[in-house]
C-alpha cells in the first residue's frame, strides 16, 4: 500500500540543543515529556530498563534538501557516494530518527535520557525499551568512512 501515513507525536524533547548539529552529543541530557493525551501509566516500569530506543521526527529539516538517492555523507567528497538507506542522514525520505539512549530517570510523565541526538521540541513518535535479545547477535560491521564520521559524534 502506498500513500500517506498519519502519526501523532506521543511527546516532545526538552533540552538545550538546537540547529541539528552533528558531533559532541555524548553528554546531552534531554527530557522527553509525554503528551497529556496518553495516560501516565504508559511509562509504568520503564525505569527497569537501562536503555531505550527513541523514534523521532526531524521536523526542522529543510524539505528541499531531502535525499532519496545517494550522496557523499556530510558532503565529504573523500567518502564514497552511498545510498540514503546506507547512512543515517536527517534529510531522509520520511525524516525519521532513531537513537538508543541511556535512561537516567523517570518522574511522572517525564523521562530523562542521555545521548539523544534530537533538538529541543522535536516530536517523539515512539519509545521502546532496549532488550538484549533485539541487539545484533553477530559482530557489527561497518565501512571505515562510517567509523571516521562517528569519531566525535558521542564525545
N, C-alpha and C. Protein backbone atom coordinates (compact mmCIF):
# COMPACT_ATOMS: atom_id res chain seq x y z
N UNK A 1 0.84 -1.18 0.00
CA UNK A 1 0.00 0.00 0.00
C UNK A 1 0.89 1.25 0.00
N UNK A 2 0.66 2.11 -0.95
CA UNK A 2 1.35 3.39 -0.95
C UNK A 2 0.36 4.47 -0.56
N UNK A 3 0.87 5.49 0.05
CA UNK A 3 0.03 6.60 0.44
C UNK A 3 0.48 7.15 1.77
N UNK A 4 -0.12 8.24 2.19
CA UNK A 4 0.31 8.88 3.43
C UNK A 4 -0.03 8.06 4.66
N UNK A 5 0.80 8.20 5.67
CA UNK A 5 0.58 7.62 6.99
C UNK A 5 0.54 8.80 7.95
N UNK A 6 -0.42 8.83 8.81
CA UNK A 6 -0.54 9.92 9.77
C UNK A 6 -0.08 9.42 11.14
N UNK A 7 0.87 10.13 11.71
CA UNK A 7 1.37 9.80 13.05
C UNK A 7 1.14 10.99 13.97
N UNK A 8 0.85 10.70 15.21
CA UNK A 8 0.67 11.74 16.22
C UNK A 8 1.80 11.62 17.23
N UNK A 9 2.53 12.70 17.50
CA UNK A 9 3.60 12.62 18.49
C UNK A 9 3.06 12.17 19.85
N UNK A 10 3.86 11.36 20.54
CA UNK A 10 3.50 10.93 21.89
C UNK A 10 4.10 11.86 22.93
N UNK A 11 4.99 12.74 22.49
CA UNK A 11 5.64 13.67 23.39
C UNK A 11 6.65 14.52 22.64
N UNK A 12 7.39 15.31 23.40
CA UNK A 12 8.37 16.22 22.82
C UNK A 12 9.65 16.23 23.64
N UNK A 13 10.73 16.60 22.98
CA UNK A 13 12.04 16.71 23.62
C UNK A 13 12.19 18.08 24.26
N UNK A 14 12.80 18.09 25.42
CA UNK A 14 13.17 19.35 26.07
C UNK A 14 14.65 19.24 26.41
N UNK A 15 15.46 20.09 25.74
CA UNK A 15 16.90 20.14 26.01
C UNK A 15 17.45 21.47 25.51
N UNK A 16 18.75 21.63 25.58
CA UNK A 16 19.38 22.90 25.17
C UNK A 16 19.92 22.83 23.75
N UNK A 17 19.66 21.77 23.03
CA UNK A 17 20.23 21.55 21.70
C UNK A 17 19.38 22.22 20.63
N UNK A 18 20.06 22.84 19.65
CA UNK A 18 19.35 23.44 18.52
C UNK A 18 20.26 23.44 17.30
N UNK A 19 19.66 23.58 16.13
CA UNK A 19 20.43 23.70 14.91
C UNK A 19 20.85 22.38 14.29
N UNK A 20 20.36 21.27 14.80
CA UNK A 20 20.64 19.94 14.26
C UNK A 20 22.13 19.74 13.99
N UNK A 21 22.95 20.11 14.96
CA UNK A 21 24.40 19.97 14.82
C UNK A 21 24.81 18.51 14.99
N UNK A 22 25.81 18.11 14.24
CA UNK A 22 26.40 16.78 14.39
C UNK A 22 27.59 16.88 15.33
N UNK A 23 27.90 15.79 15.99
CA UNK A 23 29.08 15.63 16.82
C UNK A 23 28.93 16.23 18.22
N UNK A 24 29.73 15.67 19.12
CA UNK A 24 29.83 16.09 20.51
C UNK A 24 28.47 16.03 21.23
N UNK A 25 27.80 14.89 21.09
CA UNK A 25 26.46 14.72 21.64
C UNK A 25 26.41 13.82 22.86
N UNK A 26 27.53 13.25 23.24
CA UNK A 26 27.53 12.25 24.30
C UNK A 26 27.04 12.72 25.65
N UNK A 27 27.23 13.98 25.97
CA UNK A 27 26.80 14.49 27.27
C UNK A 27 25.48 15.22 27.23
N UNK A 28 24.79 15.17 26.10
CA UNK A 28 23.50 15.85 26.01
C UNK A 28 22.48 15.11 26.88
N UNK A 29 21.89 15.84 27.80
CA UNK A 29 20.81 15.30 28.63
C UNK A 29 19.51 15.92 28.14
N UNK A 30 18.51 15.08 27.94
CA UNK A 30 17.23 15.54 27.43
C UNK A 30 16.10 15.00 28.29
N UNK A 31 15.05 15.77 28.36
CA UNK A 31 13.80 15.28 28.94
C UNK A 31 12.87 14.96 27.79
N UNK A 32 12.16 13.86 27.91
CA UNK A 32 11.09 13.55 26.98
C UNK A 32 9.81 13.66 27.79
N UNK A 33 8.98 14.59 27.39
CA UNK A 33 7.74 14.85 28.12
C UNK A 33 6.59 14.24 27.34
N UNK A 34 5.93 13.28 27.96
CA UNK A 34 4.85 12.54 27.32
C UNK A 34 3.58 13.39 27.30
N UNK A 35 2.87 13.32 26.20
CA UNK A 35 1.65 14.07 25.99
C UNK A 35 0.59 13.76 27.06
N UNK A 36 -0.17 14.79 27.43
CA UNK A 36 -1.29 14.62 28.36
C UNK A 36 -2.39 13.75 27.76
N UNK A 37 -2.35 13.53 26.46
CA UNK A 37 -3.37 12.70 25.80
C UNK A 37 -3.17 11.22 26.08
N UNK A 38 -1.99 10.87 26.60
CA UNK A 38 -1.70 9.48 26.97
C UNK A 38 -1.75 9.36 28.49
N UNK A 39 -2.21 8.21 28.99
CA UNK A 39 -2.21 8.05 30.45
C UNK A 39 -0.77 7.93 30.96
N UNK A 40 -0.54 8.46 32.14
CA UNK A 40 0.80 8.40 32.74
C UNK A 40 1.28 6.95 32.89
N UNK A 41 0.36 6.04 33.02
CA UNK A 41 0.73 4.63 33.18
C UNK A 41 1.41 4.04 31.95
N UNK A 42 1.43 4.79 30.82
CA UNK A 42 2.15 4.30 29.64
C UNK A 42 3.65 4.15 29.92
N UNK A 43 4.13 4.79 30.99
CA UNK A 43 5.54 4.70 31.37
C UNK A 43 5.79 3.75 32.54
N UNK A 44 4.75 3.03 32.97
CA UNK A 44 4.90 2.13 34.12
C UNK A 44 6.02 1.12 33.86
N UNK A 45 6.92 1.01 34.82
CA UNK A 45 8.04 0.06 34.82
C UNK A 45 9.13 0.36 33.80
N UNK A 46 9.06 1.52 33.14
CA UNK A 46 10.11 1.85 32.16
C UNK A 46 11.46 2.00 32.84
N UNK A 47 11.47 2.41 34.10
CA UNK A 47 12.73 2.62 34.82
C UNK A 47 13.47 1.31 35.11
N UNK A 48 12.84 0.18 34.82
CA UNK A 48 13.51 -1.11 34.99
C UNK A 48 14.53 -1.37 33.87
N UNK A 49 14.50 -0.53 32.85
CA UNK A 49 15.41 -0.68 31.71
C UNK A 49 16.52 0.36 31.80
N UNK A 50 17.71 -0.01 31.33
CA UNK A 50 18.84 0.93 31.34
C UNK A 50 18.86 1.80 30.09
N UNK A 51 18.31 1.28 28.97
CA UNK A 51 18.37 1.97 27.69
C UNK A 51 17.03 1.90 26.97
N UNK A 52 16.79 2.92 26.17
CA UNK A 52 15.56 3.00 25.38
C UNK A 52 15.89 3.33 23.94
N UNK A 53 15.03 2.91 23.03
CA UNK A 53 15.11 3.34 21.64
C UNK A 53 14.09 4.46 21.47
N UNK A 54 14.54 5.58 20.98
CA UNK A 54 13.68 6.73 20.78
C UNK A 54 13.51 6.95 19.29
N UNK A 55 12.27 6.96 18.84
CA UNK A 55 11.96 7.21 17.44
C UNK A 55 11.37 8.61 17.38
N UNK A 56 11.96 9.47 16.54
CA UNK A 56 11.53 10.86 16.50
C UNK A 56 11.45 11.35 15.06
N UNK A 57 10.88 12.53 14.92
CA UNK A 57 10.66 13.13 13.60
C UNK A 57 11.52 14.37 13.45
N UNK A 58 12.36 14.37 12.42
CA UNK A 58 13.20 15.54 12.13
C UNK A 58 12.31 16.64 11.55
N UNK A 59 11.63 17.35 12.40
CA UNK A 59 10.64 18.35 11.95
C UNK A 59 11.28 19.66 11.51
N UNK A 60 12.56 19.86 11.81
CA UNK A 60 13.21 21.14 11.49
C UNK A 60 14.08 21.05 10.23
N UNK A 61 14.06 19.92 9.54
CA UNK A 61 14.86 19.80 8.33
C UNK A 61 14.23 20.57 7.19
N UNK A 62 15.05 20.97 6.24
CA UNK A 62 14.59 21.66 5.04
C UNK A 62 14.13 20.60 4.03
N UNK A 63 12.86 20.53 3.77
CA UNK A 63 12.31 19.50 2.88
C UNK A 63 12.89 19.57 1.47
N UNK A 64 13.44 20.72 1.08
CA UNK A 64 14.06 20.85 -0.23
C UNK A 64 15.42 20.14 -0.30
N UNK A 65 15.95 19.74 0.86
CA UNK A 65 17.24 19.07 0.91
C UNK A 65 17.11 17.56 1.12
N UNK A 66 15.90 17.05 1.01
CA UNK A 66 15.66 15.61 1.19
C UNK A 66 16.42 14.81 0.14
N UNK A 67 17.09 13.77 0.60
CA UNK A 67 17.83 12.88 -0.29
C UNK A 67 17.06 11.57 -0.39
N UNK A 68 16.76 11.15 -1.62
CA UNK A 68 16.12 9.85 -1.77
C UNK A 68 16.97 8.91 -2.64
N UNK A 69 18.12 9.40 -3.05
CA UNK A 69 19.03 8.59 -3.86
C UNK A 69 20.31 8.33 -3.10
N UNK A 70 21.40 8.93 -3.57
CA UNK A 70 22.71 8.71 -2.96
C UNK A 70 23.46 10.04 -2.87
N UNK A 71 24.38 10.11 -1.92
CA UNK A 71 25.19 11.32 -1.76
C UNK A 71 26.42 10.96 -0.93
N UNK A 72 27.36 11.91 -0.89
CA UNK A 72 28.51 11.77 0.00
C UNK A 72 28.01 12.07 1.42
N UNK A 73 28.25 11.20 2.40
CA UNK A 73 27.87 11.52 3.78
C UNK A 73 28.47 12.85 4.22
N UNK A 74 27.64 13.69 4.80
CA UNK A 74 28.01 15.03 5.26
C UNK A 74 28.67 15.86 4.16
N UNK A 75 28.44 15.51 2.89
CA UNK A 75 29.01 16.25 1.78
C UNK A 75 30.51 16.09 1.62
N UNK A 76 31.09 15.14 2.33
CA UNK A 76 32.54 14.92 2.29
C UNK A 76 32.89 14.11 1.05
N UNK A 77 33.54 14.75 0.08
CA UNK A 77 33.88 14.10 -1.19
C UNK A 77 34.95 13.02 -1.04
N UNK A 78 35.62 12.96 0.12
CA UNK A 78 36.59 11.91 0.37
C UNK A 78 35.91 10.59 0.73
N UNK A 79 34.64 10.65 1.09
CA UNK A 79 33.88 9.45 1.41
C UNK A 79 33.07 9.06 0.18
N UNK A 80 32.72 7.80 0.05
CA UNK A 80 32.02 7.34 -1.16
C UNK A 80 30.60 7.88 -1.24
N UNK A 81 30.07 7.86 -2.43
CA UNK A 81 28.64 8.16 -2.61
C UNK A 81 27.88 6.91 -2.17
N UNK A 82 27.00 7.10 -1.20
CA UNK A 82 26.24 5.96 -0.67
C UNK A 82 24.75 6.29 -0.67
N UNK A 83 23.95 5.26 -0.80
CA UNK A 83 22.51 5.43 -0.79
C UNK A 83 22.00 5.95 0.54
N UNK A 84 20.87 6.62 0.51
CA UNK A 84 20.31 7.20 1.72
C UNK A 84 20.05 6.14 2.79
N UNK A 85 19.74 4.92 2.39
CA UNK A 85 19.48 3.87 3.37
C UNK A 85 20.75 3.19 3.86
N UNK A 86 21.91 3.65 3.39
CA UNK A 86 23.21 3.18 3.87
C UNK A 86 23.90 4.26 4.69
N UNK A 87 23.14 5.27 5.12
CA UNK A 87 23.65 6.32 6.00
C UNK A 87 22.54 6.77 6.93
N UNK A 88 22.88 7.57 7.93
CA UNK A 88 21.90 7.97 8.96
C UNK A 88 21.54 9.45 8.86
N UNK A 89 21.66 10.00 7.68
CA UNK A 89 21.37 11.42 7.41
C UNK A 89 19.95 11.80 7.84
N UNK A 90 19.81 13.01 8.37
CA UNK A 90 18.49 13.51 8.79
C UNK A 90 17.59 13.85 7.59
N UNK A 91 18.18 14.18 6.47
CA UNK A 91 17.42 14.57 5.27
C UNK A 91 16.99 13.32 4.49
N UNK A 92 16.20 12.48 5.13
CA UNK A 92 15.75 11.20 4.58
C UNK A 92 14.34 11.34 4.04
N UNK A 93 13.88 10.38 3.27
CA UNK A 93 12.53 10.49 2.71
C UNK A 93 11.43 10.73 3.75
N UNK A 94 11.46 10.06 4.89
CA UNK A 94 10.41 10.26 5.89
C UNK A 94 10.89 11.03 7.12
N UNK A 95 12.13 11.48 7.11
CA UNK A 95 12.68 12.34 8.17
C UNK A 95 12.54 11.72 9.57
N UNK A 96 12.77 10.40 9.65
CA UNK A 96 12.71 9.72 10.94
C UNK A 96 14.10 9.56 11.52
N UNK A 97 14.18 9.72 12.83
CA UNK A 97 15.41 9.48 13.56
C UNK A 97 15.19 8.37 14.57
N UNK A 98 16.24 7.63 14.86
CA UNK A 98 16.19 6.54 15.82
C UNK A 98 17.51 6.53 16.58
N UNK A 99 17.44 6.59 17.90
CA UNK A 99 18.64 6.60 18.72
C UNK A 99 18.43 5.76 19.96
N UNK A 100 19.44 4.99 20.33
CA UNK A 100 19.42 4.29 21.61
C UNK A 100 20.02 5.23 22.63
N UNK A 101 19.29 5.46 23.72
CA UNK A 101 19.72 6.40 24.77
C UNK A 101 19.82 5.67 26.10
N UNK A 102 20.55 6.28 27.01
CA UNK A 102 20.62 5.79 28.38
C UNK A 102 19.49 6.45 29.17
N UNK A 103 18.70 5.64 29.86
CA UNK A 103 17.63 6.18 30.70
C UNK A 103 18.22 6.57 32.05
N UNK A 104 18.08 7.84 32.40
CA UNK A 104 18.62 8.33 33.68
C UNK A 104 17.56 8.30 34.78
N UNK A 105 16.32 8.69 34.43
CA UNK A 105 15.27 8.70 35.44
C UNK A 105 13.90 8.87 34.80
N UNK A 106 12.90 8.61 35.61
CA UNK A 106 11.51 8.86 35.22
C UNK A 106 10.79 9.51 36.41
N UNK A 107 10.08 10.59 36.10
CA UNK A 107 9.27 11.25 37.13
C UNK A 107 7.96 11.66 36.46
N UNK A 108 6.89 11.03 36.85
CA UNK A 108 5.60 11.35 36.25
C UNK A 108 5.60 11.07 34.76
N UNK A 109 5.28 12.09 33.98
CA UNK A 109 5.23 11.98 32.51
C UNK A 109 6.56 12.28 31.84
N UNK A 110 7.59 12.48 32.62
CA UNK A 110 8.89 12.89 32.08
C UNK A 110 9.94 11.81 32.30
N UNK A 111 10.62 11.47 31.20
CA UNK A 111 11.80 10.61 31.34
C UNK A 111 13.02 11.44 30.95
N UNK A 112 14.09 11.26 31.68
CA UNK A 112 15.34 11.97 31.42
C UNK A 112 16.32 10.96 30.85
N UNK A 113 16.92 11.34 29.71
CA UNK A 113 17.80 10.42 28.99
C UNK A 113 19.11 11.13 28.64
N UNK A 114 20.11 10.33 28.34
CA UNK A 114 21.40 10.87 27.90
C UNK A 114 21.72 10.31 26.52
N UNK A 115 22.21 11.19 25.62
CA UNK A 115 22.66 10.76 24.31
C UNK A 115 21.59 10.80 23.23
N UNK A 116 20.58 11.62 23.40
CA UNK A 116 19.56 11.75 22.36
C UNK A 116 20.00 12.84 21.39
N UNK A 117 20.14 12.49 20.13
CA UNK A 117 20.60 13.46 19.12
C UNK A 117 19.41 14.12 18.41
N UNK A 118 18.54 14.69 19.22
CA UNK A 118 17.37 15.42 18.71
C UNK A 118 17.35 16.80 19.35
N UNK A 119 16.93 17.78 18.60
CA UNK A 119 16.86 19.15 19.09
C UNK A 119 15.68 19.37 20.04
N UNK A 120 15.75 20.48 20.76
CA UNK A 120 14.66 20.90 21.63
C UNK A 120 13.35 20.97 20.83
N UNK A 121 12.29 20.50 21.43
CA UNK A 121 10.93 20.50 20.87
C UNK A 121 10.72 19.52 19.72
N UNK A 122 11.66 18.61 19.51
CA UNK A 122 11.48 17.58 18.48
C UNK A 122 10.34 16.65 18.88
N UNK A 123 9.45 16.34 17.95
CA UNK A 123 8.36 15.41 18.26
C UNK A 123 8.87 13.97 18.41
N UNK A 124 8.42 13.32 19.47
CA UNK A 124 8.74 11.92 19.71
C UNK A 124 7.57 11.09 19.19
N UNK A 125 7.90 10.06 18.37
CA UNK A 125 6.86 9.22 17.78
C UNK A 125 6.66 7.92 18.53
N UNK A 126 7.72 7.39 19.14
CA UNK A 126 7.59 6.14 19.88
C UNK A 126 8.81 5.95 20.77
N UNK A 127 8.64 5.14 21.78
CA UNK A 127 9.70 4.77 22.72
C UNK A 127 9.60 3.26 22.91
N UNK A 128 10.75 2.59 22.81
CA UNK A 128 10.78 1.15 23.06
C UNK A 128 11.94 0.84 23.99
N UNK A 129 11.75 -0.10 24.90
CA UNK A 129 12.88 -0.50 25.75
C UNK A 129 13.88 -1.30 24.93
N UNK A 130 15.15 -1.15 25.26
CA UNK A 130 16.18 -1.95 24.62
C UNK A 130 16.27 -3.28 25.36
N UNK A 131 16.12 -4.34 24.62
CA UNK A 131 16.26 -5.69 25.17
C UNK A 131 17.46 -6.34 24.50
N UNK A 132 18.27 -7.01 25.28
CA UNK A 132 19.47 -7.67 24.74
C UNK A 132 19.13 -8.55 23.55
N UNK A 133 17.98 -9.18 23.62
CA UNK A 133 17.60 -10.13 22.57
C UNK A 133 17.32 -9.46 21.23
N UNK A 134 17.14 -8.14 21.22
CA UNK A 134 16.93 -7.42 19.96
C UNK A 134 18.22 -6.80 19.42
N UNK A 135 19.28 -6.86 20.19
CA UNK A 135 20.56 -6.35 19.72
C UNK A 135 21.18 -7.39 18.78
N UNK A 136 22.10 -6.97 17.92
CA UNK A 136 22.72 -7.94 17.00
C UNK A 136 23.40 -9.08 17.75
N UNK A 137 23.23 -10.27 17.24
CA UNK A 137 23.86 -11.45 17.82
C UNK A 137 25.23 -11.69 17.21
N UNK A 138 25.49 -11.04 16.09
CA UNK A 138 26.76 -11.18 15.41
C UNK A 138 27.56 -9.88 15.56
N UNK A 139 28.81 -9.93 15.14
CA UNK A 139 29.65 -8.74 15.15
C UNK A 139 29.05 -7.68 14.22
N UNK A 140 29.03 -6.44 14.66
CA UNK A 140 28.56 -5.34 13.83
C UNK A 140 29.70 -4.91 12.92
N UNK A 141 29.44 -4.85 11.62
CA UNK A 141 30.46 -4.48 10.63
C UNK A 141 30.02 -3.20 9.94
N UNK A 142 30.96 -2.29 9.75
CA UNK A 142 30.67 -1.04 9.06
C UNK A 142 31.90 -0.59 8.29
N UNK A 143 31.69 0.24 7.25
CA UNK A 143 32.83 0.73 6.47
C UNK A 143 33.66 1.75 7.26
N UNK A 144 34.90 1.94 6.84
CA UNK A 144 35.82 2.86 7.53
C UNK A 144 35.30 4.29 7.55
N UNK A 145 34.63 4.74 6.47
CA UNK A 145 34.14 6.12 6.45
C UNK A 145 33.12 6.36 7.56
N UNK A 146 32.32 5.33 7.90
CA UNK A 146 31.34 5.50 8.98
C UNK A 146 32.04 5.64 10.32
N UNK A 147 33.08 4.85 10.54
CA UNK A 147 33.86 4.96 11.78
C UNK A 147 34.46 6.36 11.89
N UNK A 148 34.98 6.89 10.78
CA UNK A 148 35.55 8.24 10.77
C UNK A 148 34.47 9.29 11.02
N UNK A 149 33.32 9.15 10.38
CA UNK A 149 32.22 10.09 10.54
C UNK A 149 31.76 10.13 12.00
N UNK A 150 31.72 8.98 12.65
CA UNK A 150 31.19 8.88 14.01
C UNK A 150 32.24 9.16 15.10
N UNK A 151 33.47 9.42 14.71
CA UNK A 151 34.57 9.59 15.67
C UNK A 151 34.23 10.58 16.80
N UNK A 152 33.65 11.71 16.50
CA UNK A 152 33.35 12.73 17.52
C UNK A 152 31.87 12.84 17.85
N UNK A 153 31.05 11.98 17.28
CA UNK A 153 29.60 12.11 17.44
C UNK A 153 29.17 12.04 18.90
N UNK A 154 29.69 11.09 19.65
CA UNK A 154 29.26 10.89 21.03
C UNK A 154 30.24 11.46 22.04
N UNK A 155 31.25 12.21 21.61
CA UNK A 155 32.19 12.81 22.58
C UNK A 155 31.54 13.95 23.31
